[in-house]
C-alpha cells in the first residue's frame, strides 16, 4: 500500500512539475550551463529529455527538477556521476528502472539510446571538459 501511495505521489508530482519544467526550458538554455556544442546533438534528443527526464532530473541534469526534489531516493544528479559512466549504463537504467526511477519501456530503444547519449554528452563530466 505504501508503495502505491509513493507511486501515486510521484506520478502526481511529475504531471504537476511538467508545466514548470516546460516553462523553464522555454526561457533558459542548457548551453549556458555546459560547454557542449548542442548543435552536434540531434534536436529530438533534447525534446525527448525534456519530455521524459526533465521533471525529475531538471534542466541542468542536477536532479533538482520539480518532481525530483520530492523523490526518495532522490533523482540522480548527472553532474556528479563519474566520467566513466557509459551511454550503455544510462540506457540500461532507462530500460530497467532503478530506485525511484521507473523503467521507460514506453520509449523505443532508439529514443532511449538518444536520451542516454544526450545525458552523457551534456551533463556528465569528461576529462576533455575539465
C-alpha atoms as a PDB file:
ATOM      1  CA  UNK A   1       0.000   0.000   0.000  1.00  0.00           C
ATOM      2  CA  UNK A   2       2.817   2.400   0.891  1.00  0.00           C
ATOM      3  CA  UNK A   3       4.474   1.709  -2.454  1.00  0.00           C
ATOM      4  CA  UNK A   4       1.216   2.520  -4.257  1.00  0.00           C
ATOM      5  CA  UNK A   5       0.902   5.811  -2.365  1.00  0.00           C
ATOM      6  CA  UNK A   6       4.526   6.664  -3.226  1.00  0.00           C
ATOM      7  CA  UNK A   7       3.888   5.833  -6.881  1.00  0.00           C
ATOM      8  CA  UNK A   8       0.756   7.979  -6.958  1.00  0.00           C
ATOM      9  CA  UNK A   9       2.606  10.836  -5.261  1.00  0.00           C
ATOM     10  CA  UNK A  10       5.465  10.591  -7.749  1.00  0.00           C
ATOM     11  CA  UNK A  11       3.085  10.446 -10.711  1.00  0.00           C
ATOM     12  CA  UNK A  12       1.201  13.496  -9.478  1.00  0.00           C
ATOM     13  CA  UNK A  13       4.440  15.401  -8.896  1.00  0.00           C
ATOM     14  CA  UNK A  14       5.645  14.578 -12.407  1.00  0.00           C
ATOM     15  CA  UNK A  15       2.452  15.837 -14.004  1.00  0.00           C
ATOM     16  CA  UNK A  16       2.346  18.983 -11.891  1.00  0.00           C
ATOM     17  CA  UNK A  17       6.036  19.631 -12.386  1.00  0.00           C
ATOM     18  CA  UNK A  18       5.900  19.212 -16.149  1.00  0.00           C
ATOM     19  CA  UNK A  19       4.373  22.634 -16.717  1.00  0.00           C
ATOM     20  CA  UNK A  20       7.085  24.269 -14.629  1.00  0.00           C
ATOM     21  CA  UNK A  21       9.798  22.383 -16.476  1.00  0.00           C
ATOM     22  CA  UNK A  22       8.413  23.326 -19.872  1.00  0.00           C
ATOM     23  CA  UNK A  23       8.240  26.972 -18.819  1.00  0.00           C
ATOM     24  CA  UNK A  24      11.802  26.845 -17.500  1.00  0.00           C
ATOM     25  CA  UNK A  25      13.110  25.315 -20.722  1.00  0.00           C
ATOM     26  CA  UNK A  26      11.474  27.986 -22.822  1.00  0.00           C
ATOM     27  CA  UNK A  27      13.464  30.724 -21.084  1.00  0.00           C
ATOM     28  CA  UNK A  28      16.800  29.022 -20.353  1.00  0.00           C
ATOM     29  CA  UNK A  29      19.349  27.195 -22.433  1.00  0.00           C
ATOM     30  CA  UNK A  30      21.290  24.110 -21.463  1.00  0.00           C
ATOM     31  CA  UNK A  31      24.161  25.513 -23.483  1.00  0.00           C
ATOM     32  CA  UNK A  32      24.718  28.188 -20.869  1.00  0.00           C
ATOM     33  CA  UNK A  33      25.365  25.594 -18.160  1.00  0.00           C
ATOM     34  CA  UNK A  34      27.716  23.397 -20.193  1.00  0.00           C
ATOM     35  CA  UNK A  35      30.283  23.923 -22.886  1.00  0.00           C
ATOM     36  CA  UNK A  36      28.944  21.065 -25.062  1.00  0.00           C
ATOM     37  CA  UNK A  37      28.080  22.141 -28.584  1.00  0.00           C
ATOM     38  CA  UNK A  38      24.368  21.296 -28.657  1.00  0.00           C
ATOM     39  CA  UNK A  39      24.306  21.648 -32.436  1.00  0.00           C
ATOM     40  CA  UNK A  40      26.052  18.271 -32.557  1.00  0.00           C
ATOM     41  CA  UNK A  41      23.207  16.574 -30.663  1.00  0.00           C
ATOM     42  CA  UNK A  42      20.033  15.681 -32.569  1.00  0.00           C
ATOM     43  CA  UNK A  43      17.168  18.037 -31.716  1.00  0.00           C
ATOM     44  CA  UNK A  44      14.852  15.186 -30.889  1.00  0.00           C
ATOM     45  CA  UNK A  45      17.248  14.136 -28.103  1.00  0.00           C
ATOM     46  CA  UNK A  46      16.740  17.470 -26.392  1.00  0.00           C
ATOM     47  CA  UNK A  47      12.951  17.218 -26.734  1.00  0.00           C
ATOM     48  CA  UNK A  48      12.920  13.619 -25.547  1.00  0.00           C
ATOM     49  CA  UNK A  49      14.999  14.528 -22.494  1.00  0.00           C
ATOM     50  CA  UNK A  50      12.739  17.451 -21.650  1.00  0.00           C
ATOM     51  CA  UNK A  51       9.561  15.404 -22.021  1.00  0.00           C
ATOM     52  CA  UNK A  52      10.696  12.268 -20.218  1.00  0.00           C
ATOM     53  CA  UNK A  53      13.504  13.236 -17.830  1.00  0.00           C
ATOM     54  CA  UNK A  54      13.387  16.959 -17.110  1.00  0.00           C
ATOM     55  CA  UNK A  55      10.628  16.870 -14.491  1.00  0.00           C
ATOM     56  CA  UNK A  56      12.808  14.754 -12.198  1.00  0.00           C
ATOM     57  CA  UNK A  57      16.405  15.343 -13.306  1.00  0.00           C
ATOM     58  CA  UNK A  58      15.949  19.043 -14.041  1.00  0.00           C
ATOM     59  CA  UNK A  59      17.014  21.382 -16.800  1.00  0.00           C
ATOM     60  CA  UNK A  60      20.655  21.161 -15.772  1.00  0.00           C
ATOM     61  CA  UNK A  61      20.671  17.431 -15.015  1.00  0.00           C
ATOM     62  CA  UNK A  62      21.269  18.101 -11.331  1.00  0.00           C
ATOM     63  CA  UNK A  63      18.329  16.006 -10.058  1.00  0.00           C
ATOM     64  CA  UNK A  64      16.516  19.103  -8.856  1.00  0.00           C
ATOM     65  CA  UNK A  65      13.564  19.097 -11.218  1.00  0.00           C
ATOM     66  CA  UNK A  66      10.166  19.862  -9.654  1.00  0.00           C
ATOM     67  CA  UNK A  67       9.327  16.178  -9.217  1.00  0.00           C
ATOM     68  CA  UNK A  68      12.901  15.087  -8.484  1.00  0.00           C
ATOM     69  CA  UNK A  69      13.110  17.054  -5.261  1.00  0.00           C
ATOM     70  CA  UNK A  70      10.257  15.029  -3.749  1.00  0.00           C
ATOM     71  CA  UNK A  71      11.567  11.611  -4.754  1.00  0.00           C
ATOM     72  CA  UNK A  72      13.020   9.136  -2.268  1.00  0.00           C
ATOM     73  CA  UNK A  73      15.629   8.154  -3.168  1.00  0.00           C
ATOM     74  CA  UNK A  74      16.186  11.458  -4.976  1.00  0.00           C
ATOM     75  CA  UNK A  75      16.603  11.707  -8.730  1.00  0.00           C
ATOM     76  CA  UNK A  76      20.157  11.162  -9.943  1.00  0.00           C
ATOM     77  CA  UNK A  77      22.401  14.186 -10.281  1.00  0.00           C
ATOM     78  CA  UNK A  78      24.183  13.592 -13.590  1.00  0.00           C
ATOM     79  CA  UNK A  79      26.721  16.314 -12.815  1.00  0.00           C
ATOM     80  CA  UNK A  80      28.225  14.191 -10.050  1.00  0.00           C
ATOM     81  CA  UNK A  81      28.356  10.912 -11.968  1.00  0.00           C
ATOM     82  CA  UNK A  82      31.819   9.506 -12.681  1.00  0.00           C
ATOM     83  CA  UNK A  83      33.299  10.397 -16.053  1.00  0.00           C
ATOM     84  CA  UNK A  84      33.463   6.655 -16.745  1.00  0.00           C
ATOM     85  CA  UNK A  85      29.636   6.426 -16.855  1.00  0.00           C
ATOM     86  CA  UNK A  86      28.757   4.962 -20.240  1.00  0.00           C
ATOM     87  CA  UNK A  87      25.863   5.552 -22.593  1.00  0.00           C
ATOM     88  CA  UNK A  88      25.123   1.825 -22.271  1.00  0.00           C
ATOM     89  CA  UNK A  89      24.801   2.111 -18.470  1.00  0.00           C
ATOM     90  CA  UNK A  90      22.378   5.045 -18.763  1.00  0.00           C
ATOM     91  CA  UNK A  91      20.413   3.179 -21.454  1.00  0.00           C
ATOM     92  CA  UNK A  92      20.160   0.100 -19.201  1.00  0.00           C
ATOM     93  CA  UNK A  93      18.887   2.177 -16.254  1.00  0.00           C
ATOM     94  CA  UNK A  94      16.303   3.818 -18.508  1.00  0.00           C
ATOM     95  CA  UNK A  95      15.199   0.405 -19.761  1.00  0.00           C
ATOM     96  CA  UNK A  96      15.065  -1.397 -16.404  1.00  0.00           C
ATOM     97  CA  UNK A  97      14.496   1.441 -13.934  1.00  0.00           C
ATOM     98  CA  UNK A  98      16.387   1.855 -10.665  1.00  0.00           C
ATOM     99  CA  UNK A  99      15.380   3.042  -7.207  1.00  0.00           C
ATOM    100  CA  UNK A 100      12.542   5.520  -7.556  1.00  0.00           C
ATOM    101  CA  UNK A 101      13.022   5.831 -11.324  1.00  0.00           C
ATOM    102  CA  UNK A 102      10.587   3.739 -13.358  1.00  0.00           C
ATOM    103  CA  UNK A 103      11.547   1.818 -16.488  1.00  0.00           C
ATOM    104  CA  UNK A 104      10.865   3.820 -19.651  1.00  0.00           C
ATOM    105  CA  UNK A 105       9.701   0.922 -21.815  1.00  0.00           C
ATOM    106  CA  UNK A 106       7.139   3.226 -23.411  1.00  0.00           C
ATOM    107  CA  UNK A 107      10.066   4.653 -25.404  1.00  0.00           C
ATOM    108  CA  UNK A 108      11.627   2.591 -28.168  1.00  0.00           C
ATOM    109  CA  UNK A 109      15.293   1.554 -27.963  1.00  0.00           C
ATOM    110  CA  UNK A 110      16.377   4.317 -30.354  1.00  0.00           C
ATOM    111  CA  UNK A 111      14.745   7.055 -28.281  1.00  0.00           C
ATOM    112  CA  UNK A 112      16.174   5.691 -25.006  1.00  0.00           C
ATOM    113  CA  UNK A 113      19.634   5.482 -26.576  1.00  0.00           C
ATOM    114  CA  UNK A 114      19.299   9.022 -27.941  1.00  0.00           C
ATOM    115  CA  UNK A 115      18.425  10.347 -24.474  1.00  0.00           C
ATOM    116  CA  UNK A 116      21.278   8.348 -22.916  1.00  0.00           C
ATOM    117  CA  UNK A 117      23.750   9.859 -25.407  1.00  0.00           C
ATOM    118  CA  UNK A 118      22.384  13.330 -24.709  1.00  0.00           C
ATOM    119  CA  UNK A 119      22.753  12.879 -20.928  1.00  0.00           C
ATOM    120  CA  UNK A 120      26.301  11.558 -21.357  1.00  0.00           C
ATOM    121  CA  UNK A 121      27.403  14.362 -23.649  1.00  0.00           C
ATOM    122  CA  UNK A 122      25.705  17.311 -21.968  1.00  0.00           C
ATOM    123  CA  UNK A 123      25.705  16.570 -18.242  1.00  0.00           C
ATOM    124  CA  UNK A 124      28.338  14.024 -17.256  1.00  0.00           C
ATOM    125  CA  UNK A 125      31.812  15.481 -16.864  1.00  0.00           C
ATOM    126  CA  UNK A 126      34.507  14.021 -19.042  1.00  0.00           C
ATOM    127  CA  UNK A 127      38.259  14.594 -18.937  1.00  0.00           C
ATOM    128  CA  UNK A 128      38.107  16.800 -22.039  1.00  0.00           C
ATOM    129  CA  UNK A 129      35.577  19.160 -20.356  1.00  0.00           C
ATOM    130  CA  UNK A 130      37.594  19.729 -17.169  1.00  0.00           C
END
